[in-house]
Amino acid sequence: QVQLVESGGGLVQAGGSLRLSCAGSGTIVSINIMGWYRRAPGKQRELVAGITPSGSTNYADSVKGRFTISRDNAKNTVDLQMNSLKPEDTAVYYCNARRQSWLNGNWGQGTQVSVSS
C-alpha cells in the first residue's frame, strides 16, 4: 500500500522560507514522477513543481526562482524548498507520486502553508 506523508507546513511571514517534505512508503520515490501540488481557497489544484525519475524538474511560472524540488533516494523523500514566500503562496500543499504522467497516482493528505503579509 502506497502512502505519502507530507510535513513542514506552517505559518510564515512574507519573504520567509519553509521546507516541505514528502516521505514515501510502499513505493520508491526515485522511480516515480513526483510532484508537489497546491490548492488555494476558491481555486483549482495546480502543479507547483515536479521531478522525474531521471531528475528533470519543472516548475510553475509563479514559483520559478523561489522554489526548489529535490529528491533524497536514501531517505525515500521528496522535498520542496520554498523561499521568498508570498501571501499568494498560501494553500494546502499535496505530494503526488505516479508511475506515468497520465495516471492519477497516489496523494498525500496535504499540509497547510500560510503566508502572512
C-alpha atoms as a PDB file:
ATOM      1  CA  GLN A   1       0.000   0.000   0.000  1.00  0.00           C
ATOM      2  CA  VAL A   2       1.424   3.311  -1.096  1.00  0.00           C
ATOM      3  CA  GLN A   3       1.463   6.095   1.466  1.00  0.00           C
ATOM      4  CA  LEU A   4       2.756   9.620   1.110  1.00  0.00           C
ATOM      5  CA  VAL A   5       3.097  11.776   4.204  1.00  0.00           C
ATOM      6  CA  GLU A   6       3.779  15.498   3.938  1.00  0.00           C
ATOM      7  CA  SER A   7       5.318  17.585   6.669  1.00  0.00           C
ATOM      8  CA  GLY A   8       6.852  21.004   7.146  1.00  0.00           C
ATOM      9  CA  GLY A   9       3.910  23.307   6.587  1.00  0.00           C
ATOM     10  CA  GLY A  10       3.120  26.212   8.838  1.00  0.00           C
ATOM     11  CA  LEU A  11       2.645  29.952   9.162  1.00  0.00           C
ATOM     12  CA  VAL A  12       5.362  32.271   7.945  1.00  0.00           C
ATOM     13  CA  GLN A  13       5.675  35.968   7.150  1.00  0.00           C
ATOM     14  CA  ALA A  14       6.049  37.167   3.591  1.00  0.00           C
ATOM     15  CA  GLY A  15       9.652  36.859   2.473  1.00  0.00           C
ATOM     16  CA  GLY A  16      10.254  33.889   4.721  1.00  0.00           C
ATOM     17  CA  SER A  17      11.064  30.281   3.898  1.00  0.00           C
ATOM     18  CA  LEU A  18       9.632  26.844   4.533  1.00  0.00           C
ATOM     19  CA  ARG A  19      10.765  23.373   3.574  1.00  0.00           C
ATOM     20  CA  LEU A  20       8.158  20.729   2.864  1.00  0.00           C
ATOM     21  CA  SER A  21       8.993  17.052   2.901  1.00  0.00           C
ATOM     22  CA  CYS A  22       7.131  14.091   1.434  1.00  0.00           C
ATOM     23  CA  ALA A  23       8.002  10.675   2.811  1.00  0.00           C
ATOM     24  CA  GLY A  24       7.025   7.679   0.748  1.00  0.00           C
ATOM     25  CA  SER A  25       6.250   4.167   1.877  1.00  0.00           C
ATOM     26  CA  GLY A  26       5.115   1.231  -0.203  1.00  0.00           C
ATOM     27  CA  THR A  27       6.795   2.810  -3.215  1.00  0.00           C
ATOM     28  CA  ILE A  28      10.201   4.130  -4.186  1.00  0.00           C
ATOM     29  CA  VAL A  29      10.144   7.840  -4.974  1.00  0.00           C
ATOM     30  CA  SER A  30      13.064   7.571  -7.372  1.00  0.00           C
ATOM     31  CA  ILE A  31      11.066   5.510  -9.871  1.00  0.00           C
ATOM     32  CA  ASN A  32       8.015   7.749  -9.759  1.00  0.00           C
ATOM     33  CA  ILE A  33       7.177  11.068 -11.262  1.00  0.00           C
ATOM     34  CA  MET A  34       6.951  13.061  -8.048  1.00  0.00           C
ATOM     35  CA  GLY A  35       5.067  16.298  -7.812  1.00  0.00           C
ATOM     36  CA  TRP A  36       4.087  18.995  -5.368  1.00  0.00           C
ATOM     37  CA  TYR A  37       0.671  20.480  -5.969  1.00  0.00           C
ATOM     38  CA  ARG A  38      -1.289  23.113  -4.124  1.00  0.00           C
ATOM     39  CA  ARG A  39      -4.878  24.179  -3.746  1.00  0.00           C
ATOM     40  CA  ALA A  40      -5.633  27.677  -2.579  1.00  0.00           C
ATOM     41  CA  PRO A  41      -9.067  28.613  -1.233  1.00  0.00           C
ATOM     42  CA  GLY A  42     -11.518  29.001  -4.092  1.00  0.00           C
ATOM     43  CA  LYS A  43      -9.004  27.877  -6.694  1.00  0.00           C
ATOM     44  CA  GLN A  44      -8.262  24.695  -8.573  1.00  0.00           C
ATOM     45  CA  ARG A  45      -5.387  22.451  -7.660  1.00  0.00           C
ATOM     46  CA  GLU A  46      -2.236  23.341  -9.573  1.00  0.00           C
ATOM     47  CA  LEU A  47       1.143  21.770 -10.125  1.00  0.00           C
ATOM     48  CA  VAL A  48       3.868  23.644  -8.268  1.00  0.00           C
ATOM     49  CA  ALA A  49       6.923  21.535  -9.048  1.00  0.00           C
ATOM     50  CA  GLY A  50       7.760  18.102 -10.365  1.00  0.00           C
ATOM     51  CA  ILE A  51      10.745  15.793 -10.659  1.00  0.00           C
ATOM     52  CA  THR A  52      11.081  12.772 -12.922  1.00  0.00           C
ATOM     53  CA  PRO A  53      12.988   9.551 -12.293  1.00  0.00           C
ATOM     54  CA  SER A  54      15.822  10.941 -14.436  1.00  0.00           C
ATOM     55  CA  GLY A  55      15.983  14.035 -12.244  1.00  0.00           C
ATOM     56  CA  SER A  56      14.430  16.509 -14.644  1.00  0.00           C
ATOM     57  CA  THR A  57      12.487  19.207 -12.872  1.00  0.00           C
ATOM     58  CA  ASN A  58       9.741  21.597 -13.845  1.00  0.00           C
ATOM     59  CA  TYR A  59       8.101  24.483 -12.024  1.00  0.00           C
ATOM     60  CA  ALA A  60       5.037  26.645 -12.264  1.00  0.00           C
ATOM     61  CA  ASP A  61       5.934  30.086 -13.602  1.00  0.00           C
ATOM     62  CA  SER A  62       4.722  31.657 -10.365  1.00  0.00           C
ATOM     63  CA  VAL A  63       7.360  29.866  -8.279  1.00  0.00           C
ATOM     64  CA  LYS A  64      10.359  29.739 -10.626  1.00  0.00           C
ATOM     65  CA  GLY A  65      13.451  31.072  -8.944  1.00  0.00           C
ATOM     66  CA  ARG A  66      11.880  30.803  -5.491  1.00  0.00           C
ATOM     67  CA  PHE A  67      11.042  27.114  -5.036  1.00  0.00           C
ATOM     68  CA  THR A  68      13.304  24.102  -5.479  1.00  0.00           C
ATOM     69  CA  ILE A  69      12.232  20.463  -5.624  1.00  0.00           C
ATOM     70  CA  SER A  70      14.721  17.784  -4.656  1.00  0.00           C
ATOM     71  CA  ARG A  71      14.798  14.070  -4.022  1.00  0.00           C
ATOM     72  CA  ASP A  72      16.703  12.068  -1.421  1.00  0.00           C
ATOM     73  CA  ASN A  73      16.810   8.483  -2.618  1.00  0.00           C
ATOM     74  CA  ALA A  74      18.384   7.210   0.589  1.00  0.00           C
ATOM     75  CA  LYS A  75      15.559   8.647   2.684  1.00  0.00           C
ATOM     76  CA  ASN A  76      12.884   7.995   0.048  1.00  0.00           C
ATOM     77  CA  THR A  77      11.712  11.571   0.326  1.00  0.00           C
ATOM     78  CA  VAL A  78      10.983  14.490  -1.964  1.00  0.00           C
ATOM     79  CA  ASP A  79      11.360  17.988  -0.576  1.00  0.00           C
ATOM     80  CA  LEU A  80      10.168  21.398  -1.659  1.00  0.00           C
ATOM     81  CA  GLN A  81      12.297  24.306  -0.523  1.00  0.00           C
ATOM     82  CA  MET A  82      10.225  27.468  -0.640  1.00  0.00           C
ATOM     83  CA  ASN A  83      11.968  30.831  -0.373  1.00  0.00           C
ATOM     84  CA  SER A  84      10.745  34.407  -0.698  1.00  0.00           C
ATOM     85  CA  LEU A  85       7.248  33.285   0.149  1.00  0.00           C
ATOM     86  CA  LYS A  86       4.331  35.484  -0.810  1.00  0.00           C
ATOM     87  CA  PRO A  87       0.791  35.660   0.569  1.00  0.00           C
ATOM     88  CA  GLU A  88      -0.429  34.179  -2.715  1.00  0.00           C
ATOM     89  CA  ASP A  89       1.542  31.014  -1.906  1.00  0.00           C
ATOM     90  CA  THR A  90      -0.960  30.296   0.846  1.00  0.00           C
ATOM     91  CA  ALA A  91      -2.543  26.917   0.117  1.00  0.00           C
ATOM     92  CA  VAL A  92      -2.717  23.285   1.092  1.00  0.00           C
ATOM     93  CA  TYR A  93       0.261  21.563  -0.476  1.00  0.00           C
ATOM     94  CA  TYR A  94      -0.007  17.955  -1.620  1.00  0.00           C
ATOM     95  CA  CYS A  95       2.580  15.398  -2.632  1.00  0.00           C
ATOM     96  CA  ASN A  96       1.861  13.107  -5.569  1.00  0.00           C
ATOM     97  CA  ALA A  97       3.570  10.008  -6.911  1.00  0.00           C
ATOM     98  CA  ARG A  98       2.737   8.444 -10.261  1.00  0.00           C
ATOM     99  CA  ARG A  99       4.456   5.914 -12.453  1.00  0.00           C
ATOM    100  CA  GLN A 100       3.244   7.509 -15.675  1.00  0.00           C
ATOM    101  CA  SER A 101       2.222  11.074 -16.393  1.00  0.00           C
ATOM    102  CA  TRP A 102      -1.293  10.094 -17.468  1.00  0.00           C
ATOM    103  CA  LEU A 103      -2.074   8.283 -14.221  1.00  0.00           C
ATOM    104  CA  ASN A 104      -3.659   9.891 -11.212  1.00  0.00           C
ATOM    105  CA  GLY A 105      -1.177   8.210  -8.889  1.00  0.00           C
ATOM    106  CA  ASN A 106      -1.185   8.459  -5.126  1.00  0.00           C
ATOM    107  CA  TRP A 107      -1.722  11.534  -2.990  1.00  0.00           C
ATOM    108  CA  GLY A 108      -0.704  12.582   0.454  1.00  0.00           C
ATOM    109  CA  GLN A 109      -3.075  14.137   2.963  1.00  0.00           C
ATOM    110  CA  GLY A 110      -1.737  17.642   2.429  1.00  0.00           C
ATOM    111  CA  THR A 111      -0.005  20.211   4.598  1.00  0.00           C
ATOM    112  CA  GLN A 112      -1.138  23.794   5.134  1.00  0.00           C
ATOM    113  CA  VAL A 113       1.143  26.664   4.206  1.00  0.00           C
ATOM    114  CA  SER A 114       0.027  30.119   5.271  1.00  0.00           C
ATOM    115  CA  VAL A 115       1.960  33.265   4.393  1.00  0.00           C
ATOM    116  CA  SER A 116       1.047  36.490   6.147  1.00  0.00           C
ATOM    117  CA  SER A 117       1.647  39.914   4.645  1.00  0.00           C
END
